[in-house]
Amino acid sequence: PVHRRVLYAMFDSGFRPDRSHAKSARSVAETMGNYHPHGDASIYNTLVRMAQPWSLRYPLVDGQGNFGSPGNDPP
């Protein structure tokens, strides 16, 4: 359910692929304020997971920056 809420909040806020990137905090705030008032940790985890190409079959969010690595790389 969190995935749907995040995607709908991003669509409703105008975050589209043909526009410039936005901070993830804006997406989290829109989702938490309008659709998921249960805390931001699950929303952040969902955003990161949707941006990782190895996590889902098709990445649903175009992540810009560091979104983790598929292996157990040391820091």
PDB file of N, CA and C in Angstrom:
ATOM      1  N   PRO A   1       0.800  -1.210   0.000  1.00  0.00           N
ATOM      2  CA  PRO A   1       0.000   0.000   0.000  1.00  0.00           C
ATOM      3  C   PRO A   1       0.840   1.271   0.000  1.00  0.00           C
ATOM      4  N   VAL A   2       2.020   1.234   0.606  1.00  0.00           N
ATOM      5  CA  VAL A   2       2.844   2.446   0.653  1.00  0.00           C
ATOM      6  C   VAL A   2       3.315   2.808  -0.752  1.00  0.00           C
ATOM      7  N   HIS A   3       3.631   1.820  -1.566  1.00  0.00           N
ATOM      8  CA  HIS A   3       4.088   2.087  -2.926  1.00  0.00           C
ATOM      9  C   HIS A   3       3.034   2.870  -3.712  1.00  0.00           C
ATOM     10  N   ARG A   4       1.800   2.414  -3.621  1.00  0.00           N
ATOM     11  CA  ARG A   4       0.721   3.103  -4.341  1.00  0.00           C
ATOM     12  C   ARG A   4       0.545   4.522  -3.838  1.00  0.00           C
ATOM     13  N   ARG A   5       0.624   4.699  -2.535  1.00  0.00           N
ATOM     14  CA  ARG A   5       0.442   6.033  -1.965  1.00  0.00           C
ATOM     15  C   ARG A   5       1.557   6.974  -2.398  1.00  0.00           C
ATOM     16  N   VAL A   6       2.784   6.476  -2.421  1.00  0.00           N
ATOM     17  CA  VAL A   6       3.914   7.312  -2.843  1.00  0.00           C
ATOM     18  C   VAL A   6       3.770   7.688  -4.313  1.00  0.00           C
ATOM     19  N   LEU A   7       3.466   6.715  -5.157  1.00  0.00           N
ATOM     20  CA  LEU A   7       3.325   7.000  -6.586  1.00  0.00           C
ATOM     21  C   LEU A   7       2.169   7.963  -6.853  1.00  0.00           C
ATOM     22  N   TYR A   8       1.064   7.785  -6.152  1.00  0.00           N
ATOM     23  CA  TYR A   8      -0.063   8.692  -6.357  1.00  0.00           C
ATOM     24  C   TYR A   8       0.256  10.094  -5.852  1.00  0.00           C
ATOM     25  N   ALA A   9       0.934  10.187  -4.722  1.00  0.00           N
ATOM     26  CA  ALA A   9       1.308  11.507  -4.196  1.00  0.00           C
ATOM     27  C   ALA A   9       2.270  12.209  -5.147  1.00  0.00           C
ATOM     28  N   MET A  10       3.203  11.458  -5.729  1.00  0.00           N
ATOM     29  CA  MET A  10       4.135  12.059  -6.676  1.00  0.00           C
ATOM     30  C   MET A  10       3.405  12.515  -7.937  1.00  0.00           C
ATOM     31  N   PHE A  11       2.475  11.706  -8.411  1.00  0.00           N
ATOM     32  CA  PHE A  11       1.690  12.089  -9.589  1.00  0.00           C
ATOM     33  C   PHE A  11       0.830  13.308  -9.292  1.00  0.00           C
ATOM     34  N   ASP A  12       0.184  13.300  -8.134  1.00  0.00           N
ATOM     35  CA  ASP A  12      -0.700  14.395  -7.753  1.00  0.00           C
ATOM     36  C   ASP A  12       0.064  15.702  -7.538  1.00  0.00           C
ATOM     37  N   SER A  13       1.323  15.610  -7.135  1.00  0.00           N
ATOM     38  CA  SER A  13       2.138  16.802  -6.887  1.00  0.00           C
ATOM     39  C   SER A  13       2.828  17.318  -8.140  1.00  0.00           C
ATOM     40  N   GLY A  14       2.743  16.574  -9.225  1.00  0.00           N
ATOM     41  CA  GLY A  14       3.344  17.028 -10.470  1.00  0.00           C
ATOM     42  C   GLY A  14       4.766  16.546 -10.690  1.00  0.00           C
ATOM     43  N   PHE A  15       5.207  15.538  -9.948  1.00  0.00           N
ATOM     44  CA  PHE A  15       6.540  14.970 -10.171  1.00  0.00           C
ATOM     45  C   PHE A  15       6.427  13.986 -11.328  1.00  0.00           C
ATOM     46  N   ARG A  16       6.886  14.417 -12.496  1.00  0.00           N
ATOM     47  CA  ARG A  16       6.752  13.608 -13.699  1.00  0.00           C
ATOM     48  C   ARG A  16       8.125  13.379 -14.319  1.00  0.00           C
ATOM     49  N   PRO A  17       8.260  12.363 -15.168  1.00  0.00           N
ATOM     50  CA  PRO A  17       9.561  12.076 -15.786  1.00  0.00           C
ATOM     51  C   PRO A  17      10.065  13.179 -16.704  1.00  0.00           C
ATOM     52  N   ASP A  18       9.173  13.973 -17.265  1.00  0.00           N
ATOM     53  CA  ASP A  18       9.602  15.010 -18.202  1.00  0.00           C
ATOM     54  C   ASP A  18       9.967  16.320 -17.508  1.00  0.00           C
ATOM     55  N   ARG A  19       9.923  16.350 -16.204  1.00  0.00           N
ATOM     56  CA  ARG A  19      10.278  17.554 -15.444  1.00  0.00           C
ATOM     57  C   ARG A  19      11.563  17.322 -14.673  1.00  0.00           C
ATOM     58  N   SER A  20      12.072  18.378 -14.049  1.00  0.00           N
ATOM     59  CA  SER A  20      13.344  18.261 -13.332  1.00  0.00           C
ATOM     60  C   SER A  20      13.178  17.444 -12.051  1.00  0.00           C
ATOM     61  N   HIS A  21      14.313  16.973 -11.533  1.00  0.00           N
ATOM     62  CA  HIS A  21      14.301  16.182 -10.307  1.00  0.00           C
ATOM     63  C   HIS A  21      13.895  17.046  -9.115  1.00  0.00           C
ATOM     64  N   ALA A  22      13.340  16.406  -8.115  1.00  0.00           N
ATOM     65  CA  ALA A  22      12.957  17.097  -6.882  1.00  0.00           C
ATOM     66  C   ALA A  22      13.552  16.330  -5.702  1.00  0.00           C
ATOM     67  N   LYS A  23      13.670  16.989  -4.588  1.00  0.00           N
ATOM     68  CA  LYS A  23      14.191  16.345  -3.383  1.00  0.00           C
ATOM     69  C   LYS A  23      13.220  15.263  -2.917  1.00  0.00           C
ATOM     70  N   SER A  24      13.771  14.183  -2.381  1.00  0.00           N
ATOM     71  CA  SER A  24      12.909  13.111  -1.893  1.00  0.00           C
ATOM     72  C   SER A  24      12.105  13.555  -0.678  1.00  0.00           C
ATOM     73  N   ALA A  25      12.608  14.536   0.059  1.00  0.00           N
ATOM     74  CA  ALA A  25      11.867  15.028   1.225  1.00  0.00           C
ATOM     75  C   ALA A  25      10.532  15.647   0.814  1.00  0.00           C
ATOM     76  N   ARG A  26      10.466  16.246  -0.369  1.00  0.00           N
ATOM     77  CA  ARG A  26       9.190  16.800  -0.841  1.00  0.00           C
ATOM     78  C   ARG A  26       8.191  15.694  -1.121  1.00  0.00           C
ATOM     79  N   SER A  27       8.661  14.607  -1.736  1.00  0.00           N
ATOM     80  CA  SER A  27       7.773  13.477  -1.996  1.00  0.00           C
ATOM     81  C   SER A  27       7.307  12.843  -0.698  1.00  0.00           C
ATOM     82  N   VAL A  28       8.228  12.718   0.247  1.00  0.00           N
ATOM     83  CA  VAL A  28       7.880  12.122   1.537  1.00  0.00           C
ATOM     84  C   VAL A  28       6.880  13.008   2.271  1.00  0.00           C
ATOM     85  N   ALA A  29       7.093  14.311   2.248  1.00  0.00           N
ATOM     86  CA  ALA A  29       6.182  15.227   2.937  1.00  0.00           C
ATOM     87  C   ALA A  29       4.789  15.195   2.314  1.00  0.00           C
ATOM     88  N   GLU A  30       4.716  15.173   0.988  1.00  0.00           N
ATOM     89  CA  GLU A  30       3.414  15.099   0.324  1.00  0.00           C
ATOM     90  C   GLU A  30       2.699  13.799   0.660  1.00  0.00           C
ATOM     91  N   THR A  31       3.437  12.692   0.644  1.00  0.00           N
ATOM     92  CA  THR A  31       2.834  11.400   0.941  1.00  0.00           C
ATOM     93  C   THR A  31       2.369  11.334   2.386  1.00  0.00           C
ATOM     94  N   MET A  32       3.226  11.753   3.296  1.00  0.00           N
ATOM     95  CA  MET A  32       2.887  11.668   4.714  1.00  0.00           C
ATOM     96  C   MET A  32       1.769  12.651   5.072  1.00  0.00           C
ATOM     97  N   GLY A  33       1.770  13.816   4.472  1.00  0.00           N
ATOM     98  CA  GLY A  33       0.755  14.806   4.794  1.00  0.00           C
ATOM     99  C   GLY A  33      -0.623  14.479   4.260  1.00  0.00           C
ATOM    100  N   ASN A  34      -0.681  13.814   3.115  1.00  0.00           N
ATOM    101  CA  ASN A  34      -1.978  13.591   2.472  1.00  0.00           C
ATOM    102  C   ASN A  34      -2.481  12.154   2.503  1.00  0.00           C
ATOM    103  N   TYR A  35      -1.561  11.168   2.487  1.00  0.00           N
ATOM    104  CA  TYR A  35      -2.018   9.803   2.254  1.00  0.00           C
ATOM    105  C   TYR A  35      -1.512   8.767   3.249  1.00  0.00           C
ATOM    106  N   HIS A  36      -0.438   9.029   3.956  1.00  0.00           N
ATOM    107  CA  HIS A  36       0.161   7.993   4.805  1.00  0.00           C
ATOM    108  C   HIS A  36       0.690   8.628   6.095  1.00  0.00           C
ATOM    109  N   PRO A  37      -0.169   8.930   7.071  1.00  0.00           N
ATOM    110  CA  PRO A  37       0.276   9.640   8.280  1.00  0.00           C
ATOM    111  C   PRO A  37       0.859   8.721   9.344  1.00  0.00           C
ATOM    112  N   HIS A  38       1.675   7.759   8.957  1.00  0.00           N
ATOM    113  CA  HIS A  38       2.204   6.788   9.914  1.00  0.00           C
ATOM    114  C   HIS A  38       3.708   6.898  10.112  1.00  0.00           C
ATOM    115  N   GLY A  39       4.317   7.987   9.736  1.00  0.00           N
ATOM    116  CA  GLY A  39       5.757   8.133   9.888  1.00  0.00           C
ATOM    117  C   GLY A  39       6.454   8.124   8.548  1.00  0.00           C
ATOM    118  N   ASP A  40       7.688   8.638   8.544  1.00  0.00           N
ATOM    119  CA  ASP A  40       8.392   8.806   7.277  1.00  0.00           C
ATOM    120  C   ASP A  40       9.367   7.688   6.951  1.00  0.00           C
ATOM    121  N   ALA A  41       9.710   6.823   7.894  1.00  0.00           N
ATOM    122  CA  ALA A  41      10.719   5.788   7.640  1.00  0.00           C
ATOM    123  C   ALA A  41      10.274   4.823   6.548  1.00  0.00           C
ATOM    124  N   SER A  42       9.041   4.379   6.599  1.00  0.00           N
ATOM    125  CA  SER A  42       8.568   3.442   5.580  1.00  0.00           C
ATOM    126  C   SER A  42       8.465   4.113   4.214  1.00  0.00           C
ATOM    127  N   ILE A  43       8.183   5.407   4.197  1.00  0.00           N
ATOM    128  CA  ILE A  43       8.087   6.121   2.921  1.00  0.00           C
ATOM    129  C   ILE A  43       9.468   6.275   2.297  1.00  0.00           C
ATOM    130  N   TYR A  44      10.467   6.639   3.109  1.00  0.00           N
ATOM    131  CA  TYR A  44      11.839   6.736   2.595  1.00  0.00           C
ATOM    132  C   TYR A  44      12.324   5.377   2.085  1.00  0.00           C
ATOM    133  N   ASN A  45      12.085   4.315   2.843  1.00  0.00           N
ATOM    134  CA  ASN A  45      12.501   2.978   2.408  1.00  0.00           C
ATOM    135  C   ASN A  45      11.829   2.596   1.096  1.00  0.00           C
ATOM    136  N   THR A  46      10.581   2.934   0.948  1.00  0.00           N
ATOM    137  CA  THR A  46       9.863   2.635  -0.284  1.00  0.00           C
ATOM    138  C   THR A  46      10.428   3.413  -1.463  1.00  0.00           C
ATOM    139  N   LEU A  47      10.724   4.693  -1.263  1.00  0.00           N
ATOM    140  CA  LEU A  47      11.306   5.497  -2.341  1.00  0.00           C
ATOM    141  C   LEU A  47      12.646   4.941  -2.791  1.00  0.00           C
ATOM    142  N   VAL A  48      13.480   4.574  -1.840  1.00  0.00           N
ATOM    143  CA  VAL A  48      14.796   4.025  -2.180  1.00  0.00           C
ATOM    144  C   VAL A  48      14.636   2.708  -2.916  1.00  0.00           C
ATOM    145  N   ARG A  49      13.745   1.861  -2.443  1.00  0.00           N
ATOM    146  CA  ARG A  49      13.553   0.556  -3.077  1.00  0.00           C
ATOM    147  C   ARG A  49      13.013   0.715  -4.501  1.00  0.00           C
ATOM    148  N   MET A  50      12.131   1.682  -4.718  1.00  0.00           N
ATOM    149  CA  MET A  50      11.580   1.889  -6.058  1.00  0.00           C
ATOM    150  C   MET A  50      12.603   2.493  -7.013  1.00  0.00           C
ATOM    151  N   ALA A  51      13.685   3.074  -6.504  1.00  0.00           N
ATOM    152  CA  ALA A  51      14.716   3.659  -7.364  1.00  0.00           C
ATOM    153  C   ALA A  51      15.852   2.689  -7.662  1.00  0.00           C
ATOM    154  N   GLN A  52      15.952   1.602  -6.922  1.00  0.00           N
ATOM    155  CA  GLN A  52      17.048   0.646  -7.117  1.00  0.00           C
ATOM    156  C   GLN A  52      16.708  -0.313  -8.256  1.00  0.00           C
ATOM    157  N   PRO A  53      17.559  -0.392  -9.278  1.00  0.00           N
ATOM    158  CA  PRO A  53      17.245  -1.262 -10.418  1.00  0.00           C
ATOM    159  C   PRO A  53      17.306  -2.748 -10.098  1.00  0.00           C
ATOM    160  N   TRP A  54      17.986  -3.151  -9.040  1.00  0.00           N
ATOM    161  CA  TRP A  54      18.083  -4.561  -8.691  1.00  0.00           C
ATOM    162  C   TRP A  54      16.992  -4.985  -7.702  1.00  0.00           C
ATOM    163  N   SER A  55      16.231  -4.041  -7.197  1.00  0.00           N
ATOM    164  CA  SER A  55      15.240  -4.347  -6.178  1.00  0.00           C
ATOM    165  C   SER A  55      13.901  -4.777  -6.784  1.00  0.00           C
ATOM    166  N   LEU A  56      13.478  -4.096  -7.817  1.00  0.00           N
ATOM    167  CA  LEU A  56      12.230  -4.418  -8.507  1.00  0.00           C
ATOM    168  C   LEU A  56      12.532  -4.754  -9.959  1.00  0.00           C
ATOM    169  N   ARG A  57      11.605  -5.388 -10.628  1.00  0.00           N
ATOM    170  CA  ARG A  57      11.822  -5.723 -12.033  1.00  0.00           C
ATOM    171  C   ARG A  57      12.013  -4.461 -12.872  1.00  0.00           C
ATOM    172  N   TYR A  58      11.183  -3.460 -12.633  1.00  0.00           N
ATOM    173  CA  TYR A  58      11.285  -2.180 -13.332  1.00  0.00           C
ATOM    174  C   TYR A  58      11.385  -1.067 -12.298  1.00  0.00           C
ATOM    175  N   PRO A  59      12.443  -0.249 -12.339  1.00  0.00           N
ATOM    176  CA  PRO A  59      12.518   0.882 -11.399  1.00  0.00           C
ATOM    177  C   PRO A  59      11.357   1.849 -11.650  1.00  0.00           C
ATOM    178  N   LEU A  60      10.659   2.199 -10.604  1.00  0.00           N
ATOM    179  CA  LEU A  60       9.487   3.061 -10.732  1.00  0.00           C
ATOM    180  C   LEU A  60       9.807   4.529 -10.509  1.00  0.00           C
ATOM    181  N   VAL A  61      10.965   4.811  -9.894  1.00  0.00           N
ATOM    182  CA  VAL A  61      11.368   6.175  -9.587  1.00  0.00           C
ATOM    183  C   VAL A  61      12.774   6.374 -10.127  1.00  0.00           C
ATOM    184  N   ASP A  62      13.016   7.499 -10.765  1.00  0.00           N
ATOM    185  CA  ASP A  62      14.346   7.823 -11.269  1.00  0.00           C
ATOM    186  C   ASP A  62      15.135   8.486 -10.150  1.00  0.00           C
ATOM    187  N   GLY A  63      15.940   7.703  -9.456  1.00  0.00           N
ATOM    188  CA  GLY A  63      16.715   8.227  -8.340  1.00  0.00           C
ATOM    189  C   GLY A  63      17.955   8.957  -8.811  1.00  0.00           C
ATOM    190  N   GLN A  64      18.230  10.081  -8.213  1.00  0.00           N
ATOM    191  CA  GLN A  64      19.415  10.856  -8.545  1.00  0.00           C
ATOM    192  C   GLN A  64      20.291  10.904  -7.308  1.00  0.00           C
ATOM    193  N   GLY A  65      21.487  10.329  -7.404  1.00  0.00           N
ATOM    194  CA  GLY A  65      22.384  10.311  -6.255  1.00  0.00           C
ATOM    195  C   GLY A  65      22.637   8.895  -5.779  1.00  0.00           C
ATOM    196  N   ASN A  66      22.944   8.751  -4.509  1.00  0.00           N
ATOM    197  CA  ASN A  66      23.304   7.468  -3.938  1.00  0.00           C
ATOM    198  C   ASN A  66      22.066   6.768  -3.397  1.00  0.00           C
ATOM    199  N   PHE A  67      21.732   5.641  -3.994  1.00  0.00           N
ATOM    200  CA  PHE A  67      20.600   4.849  -3.542  1.00  0.00           C
ATOM    201  C   PHE A  67      21.033   3.441  -3.171  1.00  0.00           C
ATOM    202  N   GLY A  68      22.265   3.290  -2.685  1.00  0.00           N
ATOM    203  CA  GLY A  68      22.735   1.992  -2.227  1.00  0.00           C
ATOM    204  C   GLY A  68      23.408   1.196  -3.319  1.00  0.00           C
ATOM    205  N   SER A  69      23.832  -0.009  -2.961  1.00  0.00           N
ATOM    206  CA  SER A  69      24.479  -0.908  -3.907  1.00  0.00           C
ATOM    207  C   SER A  69      23.910  -2.309  -3.719  1.00  0.00           C
ATOM    208  N   PRO A  70      23.963  -3.139  -4.769  1.00  0.00           N
ATOM    209  CA  PRO A  70      23.350  -4.463  -4.674  1.00  0.00           C
ATOM    210  C   PRO A  70      24.119  -5.439  -3.793  1.00  0.00           C
ATOM    211  N   GLY A  71      25.411  -5.220  -3.603  1.00  0.00           N
ATOM    212  CA  GLY A  71      26.208  -6.141  -2.801  1.00  0.00           C
ATOM    213  C   GLY A  71      26.427  -5.653  -1.389  1.00  0.00           C
ATOM    214  N   ASN A  72      27.182  -6.419  -0.647  1.00  0.00           N
ATOM    215  CA  ASN A  72      27.535  -6.030   0.717  1.00  0.00           C
ATOM    216  C   ASN A  72      28.884  -5.329   0.701  1.00  0.00           C
ATOM    217  N   ASP A  73      28.932  -4.169   0.086  1.00  0.00           N
ATOM    218  CA  ASP A  73      30.173  -3.415  -0.017  1.00  0.00           C
ATOM    219  C   ASP A  73      30.524  -2.788   1.323  1.00  0.00           C
ATOM    220  N   PRO A  74      31.804  -2.812   1.687  1.00  0.00           N
ATOM    221  CA  PRO A  74      32.195  -2.132   2.928  1.00  0.00           C
ATOM    222  C   PRO A  74      32.103  -0.616   2.749  1.00  0.00           C
ATOM    223  N   PRO A  75      31.881   0.108   3.827  1.00  0.00           N
ATOM    224  CA  PRO A  75      31.751   1.570   3.702  1.00  0.00           C
ATOM    225  C   PRO A  75      33.040   2.258   3.319  1.00  0.00           C
TER     226      PRO A  75
END
